[in-house]
Amino acid sequence: MLVTRRIIFYGRVQGINFRSNTLSKAIELNVKGWVMNRIDGSVEGYFSGELRNVIDLIDYCVSDMPYAVVKRYDVYDLPYTEFPDFRIKR
């Protein structure tokens, strides 16, 4: 099943390569979308792909991301959106 999730990660998620690590893992999992820093210190992402792969990417960001301390994350289900690739938005 193809899904799109909007996720906002809070905690120590900026200045630790969170976005580039997410990009690498997304490519590995064949998840499309984007990730970007927000002005409030959080990181926002749109992840699209097979449900299992999207869940695995979220789990990686929350639990296995080097140096990150995710204190909270909000996940929003969205209508499936097809992205051409995964990228870091600036």
PDB file of N, CA and C in Angstrom:
ATOM      1  N   MET A   1       0.838  -1.180   0.000  1.00  0.00           N
ATOM      2  CA  MET A   1       0.000   0.000   0.000  1.00  0.00           C
ATOM      3  C   MET A   1       0.888   1.250   0.000  1.00  0.00           C
ATOM      4  N   LEU A   2       0.618   2.162  -0.908  1.00  0.00           N
ATOM      5  CA  LEU A   2       1.379   3.407  -0.995  1.00  0.00           C
ATOM      6  C   LEU A   2       0.773   4.465  -0.079  1.00  0.00           C
ATOM      7  N   VAL A   3       1.641   5.130   0.684  1.00  0.00           N
ATOM      8  CA  VAL A   3       1.186   6.134   1.653  1.00  0.00           C
ATOM      9  C   VAL A   3       2.084   7.360   1.596  1.00  0.00           C
ATOM     10  N   THR A   4       1.567   8.451   2.122  1.00  0.00           N
ATOM     11  CA  THR A   4       2.360   9.663   2.354  1.00  0.00           C
ATOM     12  C   THR A   4       2.131  10.085   3.791  1.00  0.00           C
ATOM     13  N   ARG A   5       3.213  10.376   4.469  1.00  0.00           N
ATOM     14  CA  ARG A   5       3.158  10.850   5.853  1.00  0.00           C
ATOM     15  C   ARG A   5       3.926  12.159   5.961  1.00  0.00           C
ATOM     16  N   ARG A   6       3.345  13.093   6.699  1.00  0.00           N
ATOM     17  CA  ARG A   6       4.055  14.321   7.084  1.00  0.00           C
ATOM     18  C   ARG A   6       4.494  14.109   8.521  1.00  0.00           C
ATOM     19  N   ILE A   7       5.773  14.322   8.789  1.00  0.00           N
ATOM     20  CA  ILE A   7       6.321  14.096  10.121  1.00  0.00           C
ATOM     21  C   ILE A   7       7.084  15.335  10.562  1.00  0.00           C
ATOM     22  N   ILE A   8       6.894  15.702  11.815  1.00  0.00           N
ATOM     23  CA  ILE A   8       7.683  16.777  12.405  1.00  0.00           C
ATOM     24  C   ILE A   8       8.404  16.187  13.614  1.00  0.00           C
ATOM     25  N   PHE A   9       9.736  16.287  13.583  1.00  0.00           N
ATOM     26  CA  PHE A   9      10.584  15.752  14.642  1.00  0.00           C
ATOM     27  C   PHE A   9      11.054  16.903  15.534  1.00  0.00           C
ATOM     28  N   TYR A  10      10.926  16.717  16.845  1.00  0.00           N
ATOM     29  CA  TYR A  10      11.348  17.718  17.822  1.00  0.00           C
ATOM     30  C   TYR A  10      12.436  17.132  18.711  1.00  0.00           C
ATOM     31  N   GLY A  11      13.328  17.967  19.171  1.00  0.00           N
ATOM     32  CA  GLY A  11      14.420  17.541  20.038  1.00  0.00           C
ATOM     33  C   GLY A  11      15.736  18.017  19.456  1.00  0.00           C
ATOM     34  N   ARG A  12      16.789  17.235  19.673  1.00  0.00           N
ATOM     35  CA  ARG A  12      18.091  17.574  19.078  1.00  0.00           C
ATOM     36  C   ARG A  12      18.123  16.942  17.683  1.00  0.00           C
ATOM     37  N   VAL A  13      17.674  17.725  16.697  1.00  0.00           N
ATOM     38  CA  VAL A  13      17.533  17.219  15.332  1.00  0.00           C
ATOM     39  C   VAL A  13      18.165  18.144  14.290  1.00  0.00           C
ATOM     40  N   GLN A  14      18.755  19.232  14.721  1.00  0.00           N
ATOM     41  CA  GLN A  14      19.450  20.117  13.789  1.00  0.00           C
ATOM     42  C   GLN A  14      20.926  20.189  14.178  1.00  0.00           C
ATOM     43  N   GLY A  15      21.772  20.349  13.163  1.00  0.00           N
ATOM     44  CA  GLY A  15      23.202  20.463  13.398  1.00  0.00           C
ATOM     45  C   GLY A  15      23.897  19.134  13.641  1.00  0.00           C
ATOM     46  N   ILE A  16      23.235  18.031  13.307  1.00  0.00           N
ATOM     47  CA  ILE A  16      23.802  16.692  13.549  1.00  0.00           C
ATOM     48  C   ILE A  16      23.693  15.791  12.315  1.00  0.00           C
ATOM     49  N   ASN A  17      23.510  16.376  11.150  1.00  0.00           N
ATOM     50  CA  ASN A  17      23.356  15.638   9.890  1.00  0.00           C
ATOM     51  C   ASN A  17      22.054  14.849   9.813  1.00  0.00           C
ATOM     52  N   PHE A  18      21.043  15.289  10.520  1.00  0.00           N
ATOM     53  CA  PHE A  18      19.746  14.611  10.513  1.00  0.00           C
ATOM     54  C   PHE A  18      19.187  14.535   9.101  1.00  0.00           C
ATOM     55  N   ARG A  19      19.220  15.649   8.384  1.00  0.00           N
ATOM     56  CA  ARG A  19      18.651  15.659   7.033  1.00  0.00           C
ATOM     57  C   ARG A  19      19.434  14.779   6.073  1.00  0.00           C
ATOM     58  N   SER A  20      20.756  14.850   6.103  1.00  0.00           N
ATOM     59  CA  SER A  20      21.543  14.030   5.168  1.00  0.00           C
ATOM     60  C   SER A  20      21.448  12.547   5.510  1.00  0.00           C
ATOM     61  N   ASN A  21      21.390  12.206   6.794  1.00  0.00           N
ATOM     62  CA  ASN A  21      21.201  10.808   7.179  1.00  0.00           C
ATOM     63  C   ASN A  21      19.818  10.302   6.757  1.00  0.00           C
ATOM     64  N   THR A  22      18.812  11.166   6.875  1.00  0.00           N
ATOM     65  CA  THR A  22      17.464  10.798   6.427  1.00  0.00           C
ATOM     66  C   THR A  22      17.459  10.570   4.927  1.00  0.00           C
ATOM     67  N   LEU A  23      18.126  11.429   4.183  1.00  0.00           N
ATOM     68  CA  LEU A  23      18.230  11.278   2.726  1.00  0.00           C
ATOM     69  C   LEU A  23      18.856   9.933   2.370  1.00  0.00           C
ATOM     70  N   SER A  24      19.959   9.588   2.980  1.00  0.00           N
ATOM     71  CA  SER A  24      20.636   8.315   2.690  1.00  0.00           C
ATOM     72  C   SER A  24      19.740   7.122   2.985  1.00  0.00           C
ATOM     73  N   LYS A  25      19.061   7.157   4.126  1.00  0.00           N
ATOM     74  CA  LYS A  25      18.184   6.044   4.504  1.00  0.00           C
ATOM     75  C   LYS A  25      16.966   5.987   3.582  1.00  0.00           C
ATOM     76  N   ALA A  26      16.432   7.130   3.202  1.00  0.00           N
ATOM     77  CA  ALA A  26      15.276   7.159   2.296  1.00  0.00           C
ATOM     78  C   ALA A  26      15.635   6.531   0.954  1.00  0.00           C
ATOM     79  N   ILE A  27      16.811   6.833   0.444  1.00  0.00           N
ATOM     80  CA  ILE A  27      17.257   6.244  -0.823  1.00  0.00           C
ATOM     81  C   ILE A  27      17.372   4.726  -0.668  1.00  0.00           C
ATOM     82  N   GLU A  28      17.950   4.294   0.432  1.00  0.00           N
ATOM     83  CA  GLU A  28      18.092   2.855   0.700  1.00  0.00           C
ATOM     84  C   GLU A  28      16.728   2.158   0.740  1.00  0.00           C
ATOM     85  N   LEU A  29      15.727   2.833   1.323  1.00  0.00           N
ATOM     86  CA  LEU A  29      14.392   2.245   1.491  1.00  0.00           C
ATOM     87  C   LEU A  29      13.447   2.539   0.326  1.00  0.00           C
ATOM     88  N   ASN A  30      13.927   3.277  -0.671  1.00  0.00           N
ATOM     89  CA  ASN A  30      13.095   3.664  -1.820  1.00  0.00           C
ATOM     90  C   ASN A  30      11.878   4.499  -1.391  1.00  0.00           C
ATOM     91  N   VAL A  31      12.110   5.411  -0.463  1.00  0.00           N
ATOM     92  CA  VAL A  31      11.082   6.361  -0.028  1.00  0.00           C
ATOM     93  C   VAL A  31      11.359   7.679  -0.728  1.00  0.00           C
ATOM     94  N   LYS A  32      10.323   8.321  -1.225  1.00  0.00           N
ATOM     95  CA  LYS A  32      10.444   9.600  -1.922  1.00  0.00           C
ATOM     96  C   LYS A  32       9.884  10.704  -1.030  1.00  0.00           C
ATOM     97  N   GLY A  33      10.236  11.958  -1.349  1.00  0.00           N
ATOM     98  CA  GLY A  33       9.712  13.094  -0.594  1.00  0.00           C
ATOM     99  C   GLY A  33      10.801  14.099  -0.301  1.00  0.00           C
ATOM    100  N   TRP A  34      10.750  14.668   0.883  1.00  0.00           N
ATOM    101  CA  TRP A  34      11.736  15.681   1.254  1.00  0.00           C
ATOM    102  C   TRP A  34      11.821  15.823   2.763  1.00  0.00           C
ATOM    103  N   VAL A  35      12.874  16.529   3.187  1.00  0.00           N
ATOM    104  CA  VAL A  35      13.091  16.843   4.594  1.00  0.00           C
ATOM    105  C   VAL A  35      13.709  18.231   4.673  1.00  0.00           C
ATOM    106  N   MET A  36      13.355  19.000   5.719  1.00  0.00           N
ATOM    107  CA  MET A  36      13.913  20.345   5.862  1.00  0.00           C
ATOM    108  C   MET A  36      13.911  20.783   7.321  1.00  0.00           C
ATOM    109  N   ASN A  37      14.869  21.666   7.641  1.00  0.00           N
ATOM    110  CA  ASN A  37      14.891  22.306   8.952  1.00  0.00           C
ATOM    111  C   ASN A  37      13.795  23.352   9.019  1.00  0.00           C
ATOM    112  N   ARG A  38      13.210  23.467  10.208  1.00  0.00           N
ATOM    113  CA  ARG A  38      12.220  24.522  10.441  1.00  0.00           C
ATOM    114  C   ARG A  38      12.823  25.560  11.373  1.00  0.00           C
ATOM    115  N   ILE A  39      12.290  26.746  11.300  1.00  0.00           N
ATOM    116  CA  ILE A  39      12.845  27.869  12.064  1.00  0.00           C
ATOM    117  C   ILE A  39      12.757  27.648  13.575  1.00  0.00           C
ATOM    118  N   ASP A  40      11.808  26.819  14.020  1.00  0.00           N
ATOM    119  CA  ASP A  40      11.651  26.577  15.462  1.00  0.00           C
ATOM    120  C   ASP A  40      12.609  25.513  16.007  1.00  0.00           C
ATOM    121  N   GLY A  41      13.510  24.998  15.159  1.00  0.00           N
ATOM    122  CA  GLY A  41      14.485  24.000  15.599  1.00  0.00           C
ATOM    123  C   GLY A  41      14.065  22.567  15.336  1.00  0.00           C
ATOM    124  N   SER A  42      12.864  22.379  14.833  1.00  0.00           N
ATOM    125  CA  SER A  42      12.403  21.036  14.485  1.00  0.00           C
ATOM    126  C   SER A  42      12.785  20.717  13.041  1.00  0.00           C
ATOM    127  N   VAL A  43      12.513  19.481  12.630  1.00  0.00           N
ATOM    128  CA  VAL A  43      12.727  19.046  11.256  1.00  0.00           C
ATOM    129  C   VAL A  43      11.414  18.477  10.743  1.00  0.00           C
ATOM    130  N   GLU A  44      11.040  18.888   9.543  1.00  0.00           N
ATOM    131  CA  GLU A  44       9.802  18.430   8.914  1.00  0.00           C
ATOM    132  C   GLU A  44      10.138  17.573   7.709  1.00  0.00           C
ATOM    133  N   GLY A  45       9.350  16.530   7.502  1.00  0.00           N
ATOM    134  CA  GLY A  45       9.551  15.689   6.337  1.00  0.00           C
ATOM    135  C   GLY A  45       8.246  15.204   5.755  1.00  0.00           C
ATOM    136  N   TYR A  46       8.265  14.972   4.467  1.00  0.00           N
ATOM    137  CA  TYR A  46       7.178  14.298   3.762  1.00  0.00           C
ATOM    138  C   TYR A  46       7.778  13.013   3.213  1.00  0.00           C
ATOM    139  N   PHE A  47       7.237  11.876   3.627  1.00  0.00           N
ATOM    140  CA  PHE A  47       7.744  10.569   3.219  1.00  0.00           C
ATOM    141  C   PHE A  47       6.655   9.847   2.443  1.00  0.00           C
ATOM    142  N   SER A  48       6.953   9.420   1.217  1.00  0.00           N
ATOM    143  CA  SER A  48       5.991   8.699   0.384  1.00  0.00           C
ATOM    144  C   SER A  48       6.606   7.397  -0.114  1.00  0.00           C
ATOM    145  N   GLY A  49       5.807   6.348  -0.077  1.00  0.00           N
ATOM    146  CA  GLY A  49       6.257   5.058  -0.580  1.00  0.00           C
ATOM    147  C   GLY A  49       5.435   3.944   0.010  1.00  0.00           C
ATOM    148  N   GLU A  50       5.978   2.733  -0.079  1.00  0.00           N
ATOM    149  CA  GLU A  50       5.315   1.581   0.527  1.00  0.00           C
ATOM    150  C   GLU A  50       5.223   1.789   2.036  1.00  0.00           C
ATOM    151  N   LEU A  51       4.085   1.447   2.609  1.00  0.00           N
ATOM    152  CA  LEU A  51       3.828   1.666   4.031  1.00  0.00           C
ATOM    153  C   LEU A  51       4.967   1.147   4.906  1.00  0.00           C
ATOM    154  N   ARG A  52       5.421  -0.086   4.686  1.00  0.00           N
ATOM    155  CA  ARG A  52       6.476  -0.667   5.520  1.00  0.00           C
ATOM    156  C   ARG A  52       7.753   0.158   5.445  1.00  0.00           C
ATOM    157  N   ASN A  53       8.100   0.644   4.253  1.00  0.00           N
ATOM    158  CA  ASN A  53       9.329   1.433   4.088  1.00  0.00           C
ATOM    159  C   ASN A  53       9.209   2.793   4.767  1.00  0.00           C
ATOM    160  N   VAL A  54       8.041   3.421   4.672  1.00  0.00           N
ATOM    161  CA  VAL A  54       7.822   4.710   5.332  1.00  0.00           C
ATOM    162  C   VAL A  54       7.914   4.541   6.848  1.00  0.00           C
ATOM    163  N   ILE A  55       7.305   3.487   7.365  1.00  0.00           N
ATOM    164  CA  ILE A  55       7.393   3.218   8.805  1.00  0.00           C
ATOM    165  C   ILE A  55       8.841   2.978   9.218  1.00  0.00           C
ATOM    166  N   ASP A  56       9.581   2.215   8.410  1.00  0.00           N
ATOM    167  CA  ASP A  56      10.990   1.950   8.726  1.00  0.00           C
ATOM    168  C   ASP A  56      11.820   3.232   8.727  1.00  0.00           C
ATOM    169  N   LEU A  57      11.523   4.159   7.804  1.00  0.00           N
ATOM    170  CA  LEU A  57      12.256   5.427   7.768  1.00  0.00           C
ATOM    171  C   LEU A  57      11.936   6.270   9.002  1.00  0.00           C
ATOM    172  N   ILE A  58      10.683   6.323   9.383  1.00  0.00           N
ATOM    173  CA  ILE A  58      10.303   7.058  10.598  1.00  0.00           C
ATOM    174  C   ILE A  58      10.992   6.452  11.813  1.00  0.00           C
ATOM    175  N   ASP A  59      10.967   5.121  11.918  1.00  0.00           N
ATOM    176  CA  ASP A  59      11.622   4.448  13.049  1.00  0.00           C
ATOM    177  C   ASP A  59      13.109   4.751  13.093  1.00  0.00           C
ATOM    178  N   TYR A  60      13.757   4.759  11.918  1.00  0.00           N
ATOM    179  CA  TYR A  60      15.186   5.093  11.865  1.00  0.00           C
ATOM    180  C   TYR A  60      15.415   6.503  12.403  1.00  0.00           C
ATOM    181  N   CYS A  61      14.613   7.452  11.954  1.00  0.00           N
ATOM    182  CA  CYS A  61      14.777   8.849  12.386  1.00  0.00           C
ATOM    183  C   CYS A  61      14.578   8.999  13.892  1.00  0.00           C
ATOM    184  N   VAL A  62      13.646   8.251  14.442  1.00  0.00           N
ATOM    185  CA  VAL A  62      13.314   8.370  15.865  1.00  0.00           C
ATOM    186  C   VAL A  62      14.289   7.601  16.752  1.00  0.00           C
ATOM    187  N   SER A  63      14.679   6.407  16.330  1.00  0.00           N
ATOM    188  CA  SER A  63      15.412   5.509  17.225  1.00  0.00           C
ATOM    189  C   SER A  63      16.872   5.269  16.868  1.00  0.00           C
ATOM    190  N   ASP A  64      17.217   5.302  15.587  1.00  0.00           N
ATOM    191  CA  ASP A  64      18.549   4.872  15.170  1.00  0.00           C
ATOM    192  C   ASP A  64      19.415   5.970  14.569  1.00  0.00           C
ATOM    193  N   MET A  65      18.916   7.182  14.503  1.00  0.00           N
ATOM    194  CA  MET A  65      19.659   8.288  13.898  1.00  0.00           C
ATOM    195  C   MET A  65      20.856   8.648  14.781  1.00  0.00           C
ATOM    196  N   PRO A  66      22.072   8.601  14.224  1.00  0.00           N
ATOM    197  CA  PRO A  66      23.246   8.967  15.019  1.00  0.00           C
ATOM    198  C   PRO A  66      23.143  10.396  15.564  1.00  0.00           C
ATOM    199  N   TYR A  67      23.426  10.542  16.847  1.00  0.00           N
ATOM    200  CA  TYR A  67      23.508  11.834  17.554  1.00  0.00           C
ATOM    201  C   TYR A  67      22.164  12.524  17.775  1.00  0.00           C
ATOM    202  N   ALA A  68      21.103  12.033  17.189  1.00  0.00           N
ATOM    203  CA  ALA A  68      19.791  12.675  17.356  1.00  0.00           C
ATOM    204  C   ALA A  68      19.170  12.251  18.681  1.00  0.00           C
ATOM    205  N   VAL A  69      18.410  13.177  19.258  1.00  0.00           N
ATOM    206  CA  VAL A  69      17.584  12.879  20.420  1.00  0.00           C
ATOM    207  C   VAL A  69      16.195  13.402  20.085  1.00  0.00           C
ATOM    208  N   VAL A  70      15.354  12.521  19.571  1.00  0.00           N
ATOM    209  CA  VAL A  70      13.992  12.907  19.205  1.00  0.00           C
ATOM    210  C   VAL A  70      13.137  12.788  20.457  1.00  0.00           C
ATOM    211  N   LYS A  71      12.682  13.941  20.941  1.00  0.00           N
ATOM    212  CA  LYS A  71      11.878  13.967  22.164  1.00  0.00           C
ATOM    213  C   LYS A  71      10.395  13.793  21.865  1.00  0.00           C
ATOM    214  N   ARG A  72      10.003  14.168  20.660  1.00  0.00           N
ATOM    215  CA  ARG A  72       8.601  14.053  20.252  1.00  0.00           C
ATOM    216  C   ARG A  72       8.563  14.080  18.741  1.00  0.00           C
ATOM    217  N   TYR A  73       7.586  13.409  18.183  1.00  0.00           N
ATOM    218  CA  TYR A  73       7.368  13.503  16.745  1.00  0.00           C
ATOM    219  C   TYR A  73       5.877  13.358  16.468  1.00  0.00           C
ATOM    220  N   ASP A  74       5.416  14.144  15.540  1.00  0.00           N
ATOM    221  CA  ASP A  74       4.016  14.138  15.141  1.00  0.00           C
ATOM    222  C   ASP A  74       3.929  13.593  13.725  1.00  0.00           C
ATOM    223  N   VAL A  75       2.997  12.663  13.516  1.00  0.00           N
ATOM    224  CA  VAL A  75       2.816  12.039  12.211  1.00  0.00           C
ATOM    225  C   VAL A  75       1.413  12.329  11.720  1.00  0.00           C
ATOM    226  N   TYR A  76       1.321  12.781  10.465  1.00  0.00           N
ATOM    227  CA  TYR A  76       0.048  13.102   9.848  1.00  0.00           C
ATOM    228  C   TYR A  76      -0.114  12.268   8.577  1.00  0.00           C
ATOM    229  N   ASP A  77      -1.242  11.570   8.473  1.00  0.00           N
ATOM    230  CA  ASP A  77      -1.560  10.830   7.253  1.00  0.00           C
ATOM    231  C   ASP A  77      -2.079  11.803   6.210  1.00  0.00           C
ATOM    232  N   LEU A  78      -1.546  11.702   5.001  1.00  0.00           N
ATOM    233  CA  LEU A  78      -1.965  12.559   3.894  1.00  0.00           C
ATOM    234  C   LEU A  78      -2.364  11.690   2.711  1.00  0.00           C
ATOM    235  N   PRO A  79      -3.124  12.246   1.779  1.00  0.00           N
ATOM    236  CA  PRO A  79      -3.370  11.501   0.547  1.00  0.00           C
ATOM    237  C   PRO A  79      -2.036  11.199  -0.130  1.00  0.00           C
ATOM    238  N   TYR A  80      -1.942  10.043  -0.751  1.00  0.00           N
ATOM    239  CA  TYR A  80      -0.684   9.656  -1.394  1.00  0.00           C
ATOM    240  C   TYR A  80      -0.258  10.705  -2.415  1.00  0.00           C
ATOM    241  N   THR A  81       0.997  11.095  -2.311  1.00  0.00           N
ATOM    242  CA  THR A  81       1.599  12.049  -3.240  1.00  0.00           C
ATOM    243  C   THR A  81       2.839  11.403  -3.833  1.00  0.00           C
ATOM    244  N   GLU A  82       2.965  11.463  -5.145  1.00  0.00           N
ATOM    245  CA  GLU A  82       4.139  10.899  -5.801  1.00  0.00           C
ATOM    246  C   GLU A  82       5.198  11.973  -5.980  1.00  0.00           C
ATOM    247  N   PHE A  83       6.358  11.745  -5.402  1.00  0.00           N
ATOM    248  CA  PHE A  83       7.500  12.640  -5.536  1.00  0.00           C
ATOM    249  C   PHE A  83       8.511  12.000  -6.496  1.00  0.00           C
ATOM    250  N   PRO A  84       9.273  12.805  -7.227  1.00  0.00           N
ATOM    251  CA  PRO A  84      10.235  12.222  -8.170  1.00  0.00           C
ATOM    252  C   PRO A  84      11.448  11.581  -7.499  1.00  0.00           C
ATOM    253  N   ASP A  85      11.771  12.034  -6.291  1.00  0.00           N
ATOM    254  CA  ASP A  85      12.957  11.554  -5.592  1.00  0.00           C
ATOM    255  C   ASP A  85      12.853  11.971  -4.140  1.00  0.00           C
ATOM    256  N   PHE A  86      13.934  11.830  -3.393  1.00  0.00           N
ATOM    257  CA  PHE A  86      13.990  12.336  -2.022  1.00  0.00           C
ATOM    258  C   PHE A  86      15.054  13.418  -1.993  1.00  0.00           C
ATOM    259  N   ARG A  87      14.724  14.548  -1.400  1.00  0.00           N
ATOM    260  CA  ARG A  87      15.685  15.653  -1.388  1.00  0.00           C
ATOM    261  C   ARG A  87      15.630  16.422  -0.075  1.00  0.00           C
ATOM    262  N   ILE A  88      16.679  17.176   0.144  1.00  0.00           N
ATOM    263  CA  ILE A  88      16.764  18.095   1.281  1.00  0.00           C
ATOM    264  C   ILE A  88      16.308  19.456   0.778  1.00  0.00           C
ATOM    265  N   LYS A  89      15.269  19.981   1.410  1.00  0.00           N
ATOM    266  CA  LYS A  89      14.814  21.335   1.075  1.00  0.00           C
ATOM    267  C   LYS A  89      15.550  22.323   1.962  1.00  0.00           C
ATOM    268  N   ARG A  90      15.870  23.470   1.399  1.00  0.00           N
ATOM    269  CA  ARG A  90      16.587  24.508   2.148  1.00  0.00           C
ATOM    270  C   ARG A  90      15.661  25.675   2.438  1.00  0.00           C
TER     271      ARG A  90
END
